[in-house]
Amino acid sequence: MEDCLFCKIIAGDIPSTMIYEDEDTYAFYDIHPQTKAHALVVSKRHVPDLERNTALTDHELAACLRACATVARLMGLAQSGYRVVNNCGEDACQTVKHLHFHVLGGQKMAERMA
């Protein structure tokens, strides 16, 4: 999609600090981290959000979750723990309309989210 920030990052038109890439996903550090370690795992196929996940194959959707675990290991979070978050829609404060998952860690997190 031409005007999508994440599509431009995947294409290399906008710079990012890549952590991991495979045929279905691209992962990079968030430029506005919410925790000490904060990465984004993005589907390479443009899908606006998780609600429209049927546009992805089961393989592509599973690849996103597998990539989250791989990114957590690469960031050194697997031992201590990490959180995977997906914001879907306006009420969830999804700011980029492209399916992505946040991998958060590197610090003790609150037991419940506000």
C-alpha atoms as a PDB file:
ATOM      1  CA  MET A   1       0.000   0.000   0.000  1.00  0.00           C
ATOM      2  CA  GLU A   2       1.543   3.286  -1.137  1.00  0.00           C
ATOM      3  CA  ASP A   3       0.856   5.509   1.870  1.00  0.00           C
ATOM      4  CA  CYS A   4       1.481   2.929   4.611  1.00  0.00           C
ATOM      5  CA  LEU A   5       4.385   3.700   6.945  1.00  0.00           C
ATOM      6  CA  PHE A   6       5.180   0.027   7.606  1.00  0.00           C
ATOM      7  CA  CYS A   7       4.999  -0.894   3.910  1.00  0.00           C
ATOM      8  CA  LYS A   8       7.560   1.847   3.268  1.00  0.00           C
ATOM      9  CA  ILE A   9       9.792   0.511   6.057  1.00  0.00           C
ATOM     10  CA  ILE A  10       9.561  -3.045   4.690  1.00  0.00           C
ATOM     11  CA  ALA A  11      10.420  -1.756   1.189  1.00  0.00           C
ATOM     12  CA  GLY A  12      13.456   0.083   2.571  1.00  0.00           C
ATOM     13  CA  ASP A  13      12.094   3.511   1.639  1.00  0.00           C
ATOM     14  CA  ILE A  14      12.147   4.577   5.305  1.00  0.00           C
ATOM     15  CA  PRO A  15      15.117   3.515   7.449  1.00  0.00           C
ATOM     16  CA  SER A  16      14.700   1.197  10.410  1.00  0.00           C
ATOM     17  CA  THR A  17      16.931  -0.824  12.673  1.00  0.00           C
ATOM     18  CA  MET A  18      16.101  -4.372  11.643  1.00  0.00           C
ATOM     19  CA  ILE A  19      16.204  -7.152  14.205  1.00  0.00           C
ATOM     20  CA  TYR A  20      14.842 -10.043  12.145  1.00  0.00           C
ATOM     21  CA  GLU A  21      13.399 -10.775   8.719  1.00  0.00           C
ATOM     22  CA  ASP A  22      11.955 -13.800   6.990  1.00  0.00           C
ATOM     23  CA  GLU A  23       9.732 -14.295   3.948  1.00  0.00           C
ATOM     24  CA  ASP A  24       6.561 -13.286   5.848  1.00  0.00           C
ATOM     25  CA  THR A  25       7.665 -10.839   8.547  1.00  0.00           C
ATOM     26  CA  TYR A  26       9.936  -7.909   9.247  1.00  0.00           C
ATOM     27  CA  ALA A  27      10.945  -6.884  12.787  1.00  0.00           C
ATOM     28  CA  PHE A  28      12.582  -3.665  13.901  1.00  0.00           C
ATOM     29  CA  TYR A  29      13.075  -1.490  16.973  1.00  0.00           C
ATOM     30  CA  ASP A  30      10.244   0.905  17.826  1.00  0.00           C
ATOM     31  CA  ILE A  31      11.388   4.530  17.551  1.00  0.00           C
ATOM     32  CA  HIS A  32       9.190   5.468  20.549  1.00  0.00           C
ATOM     33  CA  PRO A  33       9.861   2.580  22.968  1.00  0.00           C
ATOM     34  CA  GLN A  34       7.387   2.010  25.783  1.00  0.00           C
ATOM     35  CA  THR A  35       9.752  -0.328  27.672  1.00  0.00           C
ATOM     36  CA  LYS A  36      13.532  -0.793  27.800  1.00  0.00           C
ATOM     37  CA  ALA A  37      13.223  -3.298  24.944  1.00  0.00           C
ATOM     38  CA  HIS A  38      10.496  -2.614  22.371  1.00  0.00           C
ATOM     39  CA  ALA A  39      10.318  -4.133  18.900  1.00  0.00           C
ATOM     40  CA  LEU A  40       7.643  -4.291  16.231  1.00  0.00           C
ATOM     41  CA  VAL A  41       6.935  -7.455  14.250  1.00  0.00           C
ATOM     42  CA  VAL A  42       5.141  -6.588  11.019  1.00  0.00           C
ATOM     43  CA  SER A  43       3.423  -8.793   8.464  1.00  0.00           C
ATOM     44  CA  LYS A  44       5.024  -8.253   5.064  1.00  0.00           C
ATOM     45  CA  ARG A  45       1.612  -8.491   3.457  1.00  0.00           C
ATOM     46  CA  HIS A  46      -0.438  -5.375   4.073  1.00  0.00           C
ATOM     47  CA  VAL A  47      -3.434  -6.152   6.239  1.00  0.00           C
ATOM     48  CA  PRO A  48      -4.926  -3.231   8.196  1.00  0.00           C
ATOM     49  CA  ASP A  49      -5.418  -5.058  11.485  1.00  0.00           C
ATOM     50  CA  LEU A  50      -6.030  -8.363  13.224  1.00  0.00           C
ATOM     51  CA  GLU A  51      -9.778  -8.097  12.553  1.00  0.00           C
ATOM     52  CA  ARG A  52      -9.019  -8.603   8.848  1.00  0.00           C
ATOM     53  CA  ASN A  53      -6.687 -11.556   9.440  1.00  0.00           C
ATOM     54  CA  THR A  54      -8.488 -13.749   6.878  1.00  0.00           C
ATOM     55  CA  ALA A  55      -6.548 -11.849   4.190  1.00  0.00           C
ATOM     56  CA  LEU A  56      -3.470 -13.730   5.442  1.00  0.00           C
ATOM     57  CA  THR A  57      -2.796 -17.421   5.057  1.00  0.00           C
ATOM     58  CA  ASP A  58      -2.573 -19.479   8.232  1.00  0.00           C
ATOM     59  CA  HIS A  59       1.164 -19.743   7.533  1.00  0.00           C
ATOM     60  CA  GLU A  60       1.564 -15.937   7.345  1.00  0.00           C
ATOM     61  CA  LEU A  61      -0.405 -15.347  10.533  1.00  0.00           C
ATOM     62  CA  ALA A  62       1.510 -18.046  12.432  1.00  0.00           C
ATOM     63  CA  ALA A  63       4.771 -16.598  11.107  1.00  0.00           C
ATOM     64  CA  CYS A  64       3.987 -13.342  12.913  1.00  0.00           C
ATOM     65  CA  LEU A  65       3.745 -15.097  16.277  1.00  0.00           C
ATOM     66  CA  ARG A  66       6.803 -17.244  15.626  1.00  0.00           C
ATOM     67  CA  ALA A  67       8.726 -14.107  14.691  1.00  0.00           C
ATOM     68  CA  CYS A  68       7.682 -12.499  18.001  1.00  0.00           C
ATOM     69  CA  ALA A  69       9.309 -15.383  19.902  1.00  0.00           C
ATOM     70  CA  THR A  70      12.427 -15.228  17.708  1.00  0.00           C
ATOM     71  CA  VAL A  71      12.738 -11.476  18.198  1.00  0.00           C
ATOM     72  CA  ALA A  72      12.357 -11.881  21.970  1.00  0.00           C
ATOM     73  CA  ARG A  73      15.222 -14.405  21.954  1.00  0.00           C
ATOM     74  CA  LEU A  74      17.390 -12.145  19.776  1.00  0.00           C
ATOM     75  CA  MET A  75      16.759  -9.250  22.157  1.00  0.00           C
ATOM     76  CA  GLY A  76      17.688 -11.384  25.169  1.00  0.00           C
ATOM     77  CA  LEU A  77      14.178 -11.384  26.635  1.00  0.00           C
ATOM     78  CA  ALA A  78      13.284 -15.072  26.522  1.00  0.00           C
ATOM     79  CA  GLN A  79      14.833 -15.918  29.884  1.00  0.00           C
ATOM     80  CA  SER A  80      13.279 -13.099  31.918  1.00  0.00           C
ATOM     81  CA  GLY A  81      10.013 -12.828  29.994  1.00  0.00           C
ATOM     82  CA  TYR A  82       8.304 -10.519  27.568  1.00  0.00           C
ATOM     83  CA  ARG A  83       4.887  -9.303  26.499  1.00  0.00           C
ATOM     84  CA  VAL A  84       3.375  -9.478  22.996  1.00  0.00           C
ATOM     85  CA  VAL A  85       0.666  -6.893  22.260  1.00  0.00           C
ATOM     86  CA  ASN A  86      -1.537  -6.237  19.259  1.00  0.00           C
ATOM     87  CA  ASN A  87      -3.643  -3.082  19.120  1.00  0.00           C
ATOM     88  CA  CYS A  88      -6.667  -3.509  16.865  1.00  0.00           C
ATOM     89  CA  GLY A  89      -8.737  -0.468  15.966  1.00  0.00           C
ATOM     90  CA  GLU A  90      -9.325   3.041  17.244  1.00  0.00           C
ATOM     91  CA  ASP A  91     -10.363   2.181  20.816  1.00  0.00           C
ATOM     92  CA  ALA A  92      -7.182   0.117  21.219  1.00  0.00           C
ATOM     93  CA  CYS A  93      -5.111   3.110  20.013  1.00  0.00           C
ATOM     94  CA  GLN A  94      -3.821   1.418  16.859  1.00  0.00           C
ATOM     95  CA  THR A  95      -1.841   4.208  15.184  1.00  0.00           C
ATOM     96  CA  VAL A  96      -0.526   2.455  12.063  1.00  0.00           C
ATOM     97  CA  LYS A  97      -3.151   0.598  10.051  1.00  0.00           C
ATOM     98  CA  HIS A  98      -0.921  -2.373   9.194  1.00  0.00           C
ATOM     99  CA  LEU A  99      -0.959  -5.624  11.178  1.00  0.00           C
ATOM    100  CA  HIS A 100       1.862  -5.588  13.712  1.00  0.00           C
ATOM    101  CA  PHE A 101       2.767  -6.929  17.114  1.00  0.00           C
ATOM    102  CA  HIS A 102       4.723  -5.192  19.867  1.00  0.00           C
ATOM    103  CA  VAL A 103       7.365  -7.261  21.669  1.00  0.00           C
ATOM    104  CA  LEU A 104       7.981  -5.583  25.019  1.00  0.00           C
ATOM    105  CA  GLY A 105      10.408  -6.416  27.796  1.00  0.00           C
ATOM    106  CA  GLY A 106      13.667  -5.666  29.509  1.00  0.00           C
ATOM    107  CA  GLN A 107      11.972  -4.628  32.725  1.00  0.00           C
ATOM    108  CA  LYS A 108       9.371  -5.766  35.237  1.00  0.00           C
ATOM    109  CA  MET A 109       5.916  -4.887  33.921  1.00  0.00           C
ATOM    110  CA  ALA A 110       2.683  -4.150  35.715  1.00  0.00           C
ATOM    111  CA  GLU A 111       0.507  -7.181  36.340  1.00  0.00           C
ATOM    112  CA  ARG A 112      -2.441  -5.614  34.603  1.00  0.00           C
ATOM    113  CA  MET A 113      -2.692  -3.048  31.891  1.00  0.00           C
ATOM    114  CA  ALA A 114      -4.591   0.180  32.421  1.00  0.00           C
END
